[in-house]
Amino acid sequence: MNPDLVEEIEFMLDTLTKSGFFNKEEILEILEDEFIEEDIDFSQFNFSLNDFDNANFAKLEKIFNDLADENIVAIHNCGYDIEEGVQDAFELFVHLQNNDFTPAGFCFYTFEDIEEAIYGSKLKITFGDFENNEDKALEIGKIINRHLKEVGFKINWDGTINNQIEIVPFVWDKSYNEEKEYEIEGAYNSFVRC
């Protein structure tokens, strides 16, 4: 096998396992989809899920759950990049509205943000409102910023809607938990429980 291809597969495998969002079957499925043209038997790759302690992630997860009390829907692992994340947030908004819920705004981080947290020790949080109201969006950013600071995260944010809120440093330490749902389904469930 081409050494560059092996390196790319190993990097992706490492990232997927360290993310803590996928079980082994899901990781193999993602790899097969990503490298469908290559005709590779991924069952020969030996890997195990991470055994991180969830110390930082548990604080982040609590904040994301608490934001529902502030009428903000918070989504873990929301799309691959910001564009997909915003689309997913608005898709969730429509679903919530159809079920008689009206969140004021949203926040999320993407898989790209997870990669940056894993390899660069920084997690970016995107936020906004659902009405394209800059004042409302800024207020949502301030609420998120306050919650993050209250649990002791160090924040880098210029206080505007033009930039994401960054948790710096952030050690990504989420381990896989088959008992919990994240992404859009998990955000929906967390929001409607309030």
C-alpha atoms as a PDB file:
ATOM      1  CA  MET A   1       0.000   0.000   0.000  1.00  0.00           C
ATOM      2  CA  ASN A   2       1.175   3.519  -0.797  1.00  0.00           C
ATOM      3  CA  PRO A   3       2.956   5.011   2.284  1.00  0.00           C
ATOM      4  CA  ASP A   4       1.102   8.343   1.908  1.00  0.00           C
ATOM      5  CA  LEU A   5      -2.213   6.498   1.861  1.00  0.00           C
ATOM      6  CA  VAL A   6      -1.238   4.476   4.939  1.00  0.00           C
ATOM      7  CA  GLU A   7      -0.291   7.700   6.740  1.00  0.00           C
ATOM      8  CA  GLU A   8      -3.617   9.328   5.794  1.00  0.00           C
ATOM      9  CA  ILE A   9      -5.595   6.291   6.983  1.00  0.00           C
ATOM     10  CA  GLU A  10      -3.653   6.095  10.252  1.00  0.00           C
ATOM     11  CA  PHE A  11      -4.177   9.818  10.908  1.00  0.00           C
ATOM     12  CA  MET A  12      -7.916   9.516  10.281  1.00  0.00           C
ATOM     13  CA  LEU A  13      -8.142   6.377  12.422  1.00  0.00           C
ATOM     14  CA  ASP A  14      -6.249   8.115  15.231  1.00  0.00           C
ATOM     15  CA  THR A  15      -8.497  11.185  15.023  1.00  0.00           C
ATOM     16  CA  LEU A  16     -11.725   9.168  14.969  1.00  0.00           C
ATOM     17  CA  THR A  17     -10.715   7.051  17.966  1.00  0.00           C
ATOM     18  CA  LYS A  18      -9.457  10.063  19.943  1.00  0.00           C
ATOM     19  CA  SER A  19     -12.668  12.000  19.221  1.00  0.00           C
ATOM     20  CA  GLY A  20     -14.611   9.619  21.455  1.00  0.00           C
ATOM     21  CA  PHE A  21     -17.784   9.910  19.387  1.00  0.00           C
ATOM     22  CA  PHE A  22     -17.666   6.634  17.467  1.00  0.00           C
ATOM     23  CA  ASN A  23     -17.606   2.929  18.251  1.00  0.00           C
ATOM     24  CA  LYS A  24     -15.384   0.518  16.296  1.00  0.00           C
ATOM     25  CA  GLU A  25     -18.049  -0.374  13.727  1.00  0.00           C
ATOM     26  CA  GLU A  26     -18.797   3.296  13.024  1.00  0.00           C
ATOM     27  CA  ILE A  27     -15.089   4.067  12.647  1.00  0.00           C
ATOM     28  CA  LEU A  28     -14.643   1.239  10.125  1.00  0.00           C
ATOM     29  CA  GLU A  29     -17.725   2.435   8.219  1.00  0.00           C
ATOM     30  CA  ILE A  30     -16.400   6.016   8.070  1.00  0.00           C
ATOM     31  CA  LEU A  31     -13.020   4.777   6.817  1.00  0.00           C
ATOM     32  CA  GLU A  32     -14.659   2.567   4.171  1.00  0.00           C
ATOM     33  CA  ASP A  33     -16.768   5.507   2.967  1.00  0.00           C
ATOM     34  CA  GLU A  34     -13.795   7.887   2.913  1.00  0.00           C
ATOM     35  CA  PHE A  35     -11.527   5.490   1.031  1.00  0.00           C
ATOM     36  CA  ILE A  36     -14.155   3.709  -1.082  1.00  0.00           C
ATOM     37  CA  GLU A  37     -12.061   4.095  -4.242  1.00  0.00           C
ATOM     38  CA  GLU A  38      -9.076   2.307  -2.683  1.00  0.00           C
ATOM     39  CA  ASP A  39     -10.541  -1.202  -2.135  1.00  0.00           C
ATOM     40  CA  ILE A  40      -8.980  -1.660   1.302  1.00  0.00           C
ATOM     41  CA  ASP A  41      -9.875  -4.288   3.880  1.00  0.00           C
ATOM     42  CA  PHE A  42     -10.049  -2.158   7.022  1.00  0.00           C
ATOM     43  CA  SER A  43     -10.710  -5.155   9.251  1.00  0.00           C
ATOM     44  CA  GLN A  44      -6.942  -5.788   9.156  1.00  0.00           C
ATOM     45  CA  PHE A  45      -6.316  -2.486  10.990  1.00  0.00           C
ATOM     46  CA  ASN A  46      -5.901  -3.162  14.688  1.00  0.00           C
ATOM     47  CA  PHE A  47      -7.123  -0.372  16.932  1.00  0.00           C
ATOM     48  CA  SER A  48      -8.905   0.184  20.207  1.00  0.00           C
ATOM     49  CA  LEU A  49     -11.067   3.003  21.485  1.00  0.00           C
ATOM     50  CA  ASN A  50      -9.418   5.592  23.709  1.00  0.00           C
ATOM     51  CA  ASP A  51      -9.607   5.397  27.492  1.00  0.00           C
ATOM     52  CA  PHE A  52      -9.538   9.114  28.274  1.00  0.00           C
ATOM     53  CA  ASP A  53     -10.852  10.323  31.638  1.00  0.00           C
ATOM     54  CA  ASN A  54     -13.485  12.843  30.400  1.00  0.00           C
ATOM     55  CA  ALA A  55     -12.392  15.513  32.933  1.00  0.00           C
ATOM     56  CA  ASN A  56     -12.559  18.450  30.497  1.00  0.00           C
ATOM     57  CA  PHE A  57     -15.298  16.963  28.365  1.00  0.00           C
ATOM     58  CA  ALA A  58     -17.537  16.406  31.419  1.00  0.00           C
ATOM     59  CA  LYS A  59     -17.357  20.148  32.187  1.00  0.00           C
ATOM     60  CA  LEU A  60     -18.130  20.999  28.562  1.00  0.00           C
ATOM     61  CA  GLU A  61     -21.008  18.532  28.487  1.00  0.00           C
ATOM     62  CA  LYS A  62     -22.502  20.023  31.666  1.00  0.00           C
ATOM     63  CA  ILE A  63     -22.310  23.508  30.156  1.00  0.00           C
ATOM     64  CA  PHE A  64     -23.968  22.338  26.939  1.00  0.00           C
ATOM     65  CA  ASN A  65     -26.785  20.746  28.984  1.00  0.00           C
ATOM     66  CA  ASP A  66     -27.150  23.865  31.167  1.00  0.00           C
ATOM     67  CA  LEU A  67     -27.429  26.121  28.113  1.00  0.00           C
ATOM     68  CA  ALA A  68     -30.852  24.619  27.416  1.00  0.00           C
ATOM     69  CA  ASP A  69     -32.023  26.436  30.572  1.00  0.00           C
ATOM     70  CA  GLU A  70     -30.886  29.650  28.858  1.00  0.00           C
ATOM     71  CA  ASN A  71     -32.967  28.706  25.771  1.00  0.00           C
ATOM     72  CA  ILE A  72     -29.821  27.913  23.763  1.00  0.00           C
ATOM     73  CA  VAL A  73     -29.531  24.646  21.875  1.00  0.00           C
ATOM     74  CA  ALA A  74     -25.968  23.294  22.176  1.00  0.00           C
ATOM     75  CA  ILE A  75     -24.704  20.644  19.762  1.00  0.00           C
ATOM     76  CA  HIS A  76     -21.645  18.426  20.166  1.00  0.00           C
ATOM     77  CA  ASN A  77     -19.794  17.338  16.998  1.00  0.00           C
ATOM     78  CA  CYS A  78     -22.082  19.336  14.706  1.00  0.00           C
ATOM     79  CA  GLY A  79     -21.087  18.769  11.081  1.00  0.00           C
ATOM     80  CA  TYR A  80     -17.577  18.637   9.693  1.00  0.00           C
ATOM     81  CA  ASP A  81     -17.066  22.406   9.335  1.00  0.00           C
ATOM     82  CA  ILE A  82     -18.833  25.644  10.274  1.00  0.00           C
ATOM     83  CA  GLU A  83     -21.012  25.695   7.151  1.00  0.00           C
ATOM     84  CA  GLU A  84     -22.320  22.178   7.857  1.00  0.00           C
ATOM     85  CA  GLY A  85     -22.665  23.047  11.539  1.00  0.00           C
ATOM     86  CA  VAL A  86     -24.867  26.068  10.826  1.00  0.00           C
ATOM     87  CA  GLN A  87     -27.011  23.993   8.433  1.00  0.00           C
ATOM     88  CA  ASP A  88     -27.407  21.291  11.096  1.00  0.00           C
ATOM     89  CA  ALA A  89     -28.261  23.887  13.781  1.00  0.00           C
ATOM     90  CA  PHE A  90     -31.006  25.378  11.583  1.00  0.00           C
ATOM     91  CA  GLU A  91     -32.277  21.914  10.708  1.00  0.00           C
ATOM     92  CA  LEU A  92     -32.548  21.194  14.432  1.00  0.00           C
ATOM     93  CA  PHE A  93     -34.262  24.566  14.961  1.00  0.00           C
ATOM     94  CA  VAL A  94     -36.978  23.647  12.439  1.00  0.00           C
ATOM     95  CA  HIS A  95     -37.446  20.270  14.118  1.00  0.00           C
ATOM     96  CA  LEU A  96     -37.751  21.941  17.530  1.00  0.00           C
ATOM     97  CA  GLN A  97     -40.230  24.512  16.179  1.00  0.00           C
ATOM     98  CA  ASN A  98     -42.330  21.729  14.665  1.00  0.00           C
ATOM     99  CA  ASN A  99     -42.539  20.308  18.188  1.00  0.00           C
ATOM    100  CA  ASP A 100     -43.508  23.654  19.774  1.00  0.00           C
ATOM    101  CA  PHE A 101     -40.073  24.652  21.086  1.00  0.00           C
ATOM    102  CA  THR A 102     -38.503  28.007  20.221  1.00  0.00           C
ATOM    103  CA  PRO A 103     -34.816  28.210  21.110  1.00  0.00           C
ATOM    104  CA  ALA A 104     -33.334  31.691  20.996  1.00  0.00           C
ATOM    105  CA  GLY A 105     -29.990  30.581  19.648  1.00  0.00           C
ATOM    106  CA  PHE A 106     -27.376  27.912  19.257  1.00  0.00           C
ATOM    107  CA  CYS A 107     -23.802  26.947  19.858  1.00  0.00           C
ATOM    108  CA  PHE A 108     -21.749  24.062  18.556  1.00  0.00           C
ATOM    109  CA  TYR A 109     -18.332  22.794  17.681  1.00  0.00           C
ATOM    110  CA  THR A 110     -17.569  20.831  14.527  1.00  0.00           C
ATOM    111  CA  PHE A 111     -15.426  17.792  13.783  1.00  0.00           C
ATOM    112  CA  GLU A 112     -12.797  20.211  12.426  1.00  0.00           C
ATOM    113  CA  ASP A 113     -12.845  21.892  15.843  1.00  0.00           C
ATOM    114  CA  ILE A 114     -12.404  18.501  17.526  1.00  0.00           C
ATOM    115  CA  GLU A 115      -9.348  17.849  15.341  1.00  0.00           C
ATOM    116  CA  GLU A 116      -7.908  21.198  16.410  1.00  0.00           C
ATOM    117  CA  ALA A 117      -8.603  20.359  20.058  1.00  0.00           C
ATOM    118  CA  ILE A 118      -6.919  16.951  19.728  1.00  0.00           C
ATOM    119  CA  TYR A 119      -3.801  18.178  17.944  1.00  0.00           C
ATOM    120  CA  GLY A 120      -3.680  21.851  18.920  1.00  0.00           C
ATOM    121  CA  SER A 121      -5.214  21.997  22.427  1.00  0.00           C
ATOM    122  CA  LYS A 122      -7.805  24.616  21.446  1.00  0.00           C
ATOM    123  CA  LEU A 123     -11.572  24.180  21.112  1.00  0.00           C
ATOM    124  CA  LYS A 124     -13.596  26.718  19.136  1.00  0.00           C
ATOM    125  CA  ILE A 125     -17.282  27.250  19.881  1.00  0.00           C
ATOM    126  CA  THR A 126     -19.507  28.752  17.188  1.00  0.00           C
ATOM    127  CA  PHE A 127     -22.649  30.572  18.321  1.00  0.00           C
ATOM    128  CA  GLY A 128     -25.512  32.612  16.932  1.00  0.00           C
ATOM    129  CA  ASP A 129     -29.228  33.264  16.945  1.00  0.00           C
ATOM    130  CA  PHE A 130     -31.943  32.023  14.615  1.00  0.00           C
ATOM    131  CA  GLU A 131     -33.244  35.442  13.528  1.00  0.00           C
ATOM    132  CA  ASN A 132     -30.058  37.046  12.183  1.00  0.00           C
ATOM    133  CA  ASN A 133     -30.248  39.609  15.002  1.00  0.00           C
ATOM    134  CA  GLU A 134     -26.739  40.779  15.892  1.00  0.00           C
ATOM    135  CA  ASP A 135     -27.684  42.016  19.364  1.00  0.00           C
ATOM    136  CA  LYS A 136     -29.361  38.736  20.209  1.00  0.00           C
ATOM    137  CA  ALA A 137     -26.411  36.748  18.822  1.00  0.00           C
ATOM    138  CA  LEU A 138     -23.982  38.781  20.916  1.00  0.00           C
ATOM    139  CA  GLU A 139     -26.072  38.168  24.033  1.00  0.00           C
ATOM    140  CA  ILE A 140     -25.949  34.422  23.324  1.00  0.00           C
ATOM    141  CA  GLY A 141     -22.160  34.639  22.977  1.00  0.00           C
ATOM    142  CA  LYS A 142     -21.925  36.408  26.333  1.00  0.00           C
ATOM    143  CA  ILE A 143     -24.050  33.738  28.038  1.00  0.00           C
ATOM    144  CA  ILE A 144     -21.885  30.946  26.629  1.00  0.00           C
ATOM    145  CA  ASN A 145     -18.710  32.827  27.580  1.00  0.00           C
ATOM    146  CA  ARG A 146     -19.980  33.257  31.151  1.00  0.00           C
ATOM    147  CA  HIS A 147     -20.843  29.552  31.502  1.00  0.00           C
ATOM    148  CA  LEU A 148     -17.429  28.509  30.185  1.00  0.00           C
ATOM    149  CA  LYS A 149     -15.604  30.835  32.582  1.00  0.00           C
ATOM    150  CA  GLU A 150     -17.701  29.715  35.561  1.00  0.00           C
ATOM    151  CA  VAL A 151     -16.287  26.179  35.321  1.00  0.00           C
ATOM    152  CA  GLY A 152     -12.742  27.486  35.039  1.00  0.00           C
ATOM    153  CA  PHE A 153     -12.056  27.367  31.312  1.00  0.00           C
ATOM    154  CA  LYS A 154      -9.678  30.026  30.000  1.00  0.00           C
ATOM    155  CA  ILE A 155     -11.346  31.863  27.150  1.00  0.00           C
ATOM    156  CA  ASN A 156     -10.006  33.753  24.164  1.00  0.00           C
ATOM    157  CA  TRP A 157     -12.810  35.831  22.644  1.00  0.00           C
ATOM    158  CA  ASP A 158     -12.941  39.411  21.425  1.00  0.00           C
ATOM    159  CA  GLY A 159     -16.561  39.870  22.562  1.00  0.00           C
ATOM    160  CA  THR A 160     -17.957  40.173  19.043  1.00  0.00           C
ATOM    161  CA  ILE A 161     -20.196  38.042  16.843  1.00  0.00           C
ATOM    162  CA  ASN A 162     -17.473  37.979  14.194  1.00  0.00           C
ATOM    163  CA  ASN A 163     -15.278  35.453  15.999  1.00  0.00           C
ATOM    164  CA  GLN A 164     -15.738  32.118  17.684  1.00  0.00           C
ATOM    165  CA  ILE A 165     -15.202  31.656  21.393  1.00  0.00           C
ATOM    166  CA  GLU A 166     -11.995  29.695  21.974  1.00  0.00           C
ATOM    167  CA  ILE A 167     -11.219  27.562  25.007  1.00  0.00           C
ATOM    168  CA  VAL A 168      -7.422  27.714  25.288  1.00  0.00           C
ATOM    169  CA  PRO A 169      -5.910  25.437  26.333  1.00  0.00           C
ATOM    170  CA  PHE A 170      -8.365  22.588  25.954  1.00  0.00           C
ATOM    171  CA  VAL A 171      -7.198  19.003  26.365  1.00  0.00           C
ATOM    172  CA  TRP A 172      -9.583  16.793  24.405  1.00  0.00           C
ATOM    173  CA  ASP A 173     -10.328  13.859  26.730  1.00  0.00           C
ATOM    174  CA  LYS A 174     -13.709  12.451  25.648  1.00  0.00           C
ATOM    175  CA  SER A 175     -14.005   8.683  25.697  1.00  0.00           C
ATOM    176  CA  TYR A 176     -16.717   6.785  23.845  1.00  0.00           C
ATOM    177  CA  ASN A 177     -19.924   6.167  25.794  1.00  0.00           C
ATOM    178  CA  GLU A 178     -22.539   4.020  24.090  1.00  0.00           C
ATOM    179  CA  GLU A 179     -25.156   5.095  26.655  1.00  0.00           C
ATOM    180  CA  LYS A 180     -25.220   8.741  25.501  1.00  0.00           C
ATOM    181  CA  GLU A 181     -26.362  10.449  22.343  1.00  0.00           C
ATOM    182  CA  TYR A 182     -24.640  13.525  21.009  1.00  0.00           C
ATOM    183  CA  GLU A 183     -24.811  15.507  17.792  1.00  0.00           C
ATOM    184  CA  ILE A 184     -28.290  16.617  16.649  1.00  0.00           C
ATOM    185  CA  GLU A 185     -30.233  13.837  18.421  1.00  0.00           C
ATOM    186  CA  GLY A 186     -28.468  14.438  21.716  1.00  0.00           C
ATOM    187  CA  ALA A 187     -28.924  18.221  21.457  1.00  0.00           C
ATOM    188  CA  TYR A 188     -32.632  17.775  20.748  1.00  0.00           C
ATOM    189  CA  ASN A 189     -33.100  15.465  23.751  1.00  0.00           C
ATOM    190  CA  SER A 190     -31.122  17.755  26.041  1.00  0.00           C
ATOM    191  CA  PHE A 191     -33.116  20.804  24.971  1.00  0.00           C
ATOM    192  CA  VAL A 192     -36.596  19.300  25.264  1.00  0.00           C
ATOM    193  CA  ARG A 193     -35.896  17.919  28.768  1.00  0.00           C
ATOM    194  CA  CYS A 194     -35.756  21.454  30.184  1.00  0.00           C
END
